[in-house]
Amino acid sequence: MAAQLPHKNQLRWRCRRGMQELDILLLRYLEQDFDQADHSQQQAFIALLQQQDDLLWDWLSGRHIPEQPAIAALIKQINQATHSISD
């Protein structure tokens, strides 16, 4: 049996970080892509939310690449969605 996911309101609260840029990126993914993601992608997002803000920003700004393949793929997806909005 798969582990139960946190309620979306809990995830929304965990997306609120100390940096507005992170808030925007994380909340955008949660609202636009999370529900359509498969269970492993949802778990990767939950794991992503457990990271410290400075590490998240390094990943999302492209300064570092996460070692975990699922999180690296999620970071890539979040960044691609952001770039397609700004184009």
Protein backbone atom coordinates (compact mmCIF):
# COMPACT_ATOMS: atom_id res chain seq x y z
CA MET A 1 0.00 0.00 0.00
CA ALA A 2 1.37 3.41 -0.97
CA ALA A 3 2.01 6.00 1.72
CA GLN A 4 -0.71 8.63 2.00
CA LEU A 5 0.24 12.04 0.67
CA PRO A 6 -0.06 15.12 2.88
CA HIS A 7 -3.18 17.19 2.32
CA LYS A 8 -2.69 19.81 -0.39
CA ASN A 9 -3.15 22.64 2.13
CA GLN A 10 -0.22 21.23 4.13
CA LEU A 11 1.89 21.17 0.98
CA ARG A 12 0.84 24.71 0.13
CA TRP A 13 2.02 25.84 3.56
CA ARG A 14 5.35 24.00 3.12
CA CYS A 15 5.85 25.78 -0.23
CA ARG A 16 5.95 29.10 1.60
CA ARG A 17 9.61 29.73 2.18
CA GLY A 18 11.79 32.63 3.24
CA MET A 19 12.38 33.72 -0.34
CA GLN A 20 9.66 35.01 -2.66
CA GLU A 21 11.26 33.42 -5.72
CA LEU A 22 11.06 29.98 -4.10
CA ASP A 23 7.47 30.59 -3.03
CA ILE A 24 6.48 31.40 -6.60
CA LEU A 25 8.24 28.43 -8.19
CA LEU A 26 7.09 25.86 -5.64
CA LEU A 27 3.51 27.08 -5.43
CA ARG A 28 3.25 27.22 -9.23
CA TYR A 29 4.31 23.57 -9.47
CA LEU A 30 1.92 22.57 -6.69
CA GLU A 31 -1.05 24.33 -8.27
CA GLN A 32 -0.38 23.50 -11.93
CA ASP A 33 1.42 20.15 -12.05
CA PHE A 34 1.27 18.26 -8.76
CA ASP A 35 -2.18 16.68 -9.20
CA GLN A 36 -1.27 15.28 -12.64
CA ALA A 37 2.12 13.97 -11.50
CA ASP A 38 2.54 10.27 -10.83
CA HIS A 39 3.08 9.05 -7.28
CA SER A 40 6.89 8.96 -7.56
CA GLN A 41 6.97 12.55 -8.84
CA GLN A 42 4.69 13.63 -6.02
CA GLN A 43 7.01 11.92 -3.53
CA ALA A 44 9.99 13.71 -5.11
CA PHE A 45 8.19 17.05 -4.64
CA ILE A 46 7.51 16.25 -0.99
CA ALA A 47 11.20 15.36 -0.53
CA LEU A 48 12.13 18.61 -2.27
CA LEU A 49 10.07 20.57 0.26
CA GLN A 50 12.11 19.04 3.08
CA GLN A 51 15.31 20.71 1.84
CA GLN A 52 16.77 23.96 3.13
CA ASP A 53 16.02 27.15 1.22
CA ASP A 54 19.61 27.84 0.20
CA LEU A 55 19.98 24.35 -1.28
CA LEU A 56 16.63 24.63 -3.08
CA TRP A 57 17.66 27.95 -4.57
CA ASP A 58 21.02 26.52 -5.70
CA TRP A 59 19.17 23.70 -7.47
CA LEU A 60 16.47 25.87 -9.02
CA SER A 61 18.94 28.53 -10.15
CA GLY A 62 21.15 25.90 -11.78
CA ARG A 63 24.16 26.39 -9.52
CA HIS A 64 24.04 22.76 -8.40
CA ILE A 65 22.33 19.58 -9.56
CA PRO A 66 20.69 17.29 -7.01
CA GLU A 67 22.28 13.87 -6.62
CA GLN A 68 18.90 12.15 -6.47
CA PRO A 69 17.69 11.50 -10.05
CA ALA A 70 14.00 11.96 -9.19
CA ILE A 71 14.63 15.35 -7.61
CA ALA A 72 16.92 16.40 -10.46
CA ALA A 73 14.15 15.53 -12.95
CA LEU A 74 11.63 17.50 -10.92
CA ILE A 75 13.92 20.55 -10.77
CA LYS A 76 14.30 20.35 -14.54
CA GLN A 77 10.51 20.17 -14.95
CA ILE A 78 9.93 23.15 -12.66
CA ASN A 79 12.55 25.20 -14.52
CA GLN A 80 11.16 24.26 -17.95
CA ALA A 81 7.66 25.28 -16.88
CA THR A 82 9.01 28.59 -15.62
CA HIS A 83 10.88 29.29 -18.84
CA SER A 84 7.86 28.45 -20.99
CA ILE A 85 5.79 31.00 -19.03
CA SER A 86 8.38 33.75 -19.50
CA ASP A 87 8.82 33.10 -23.23
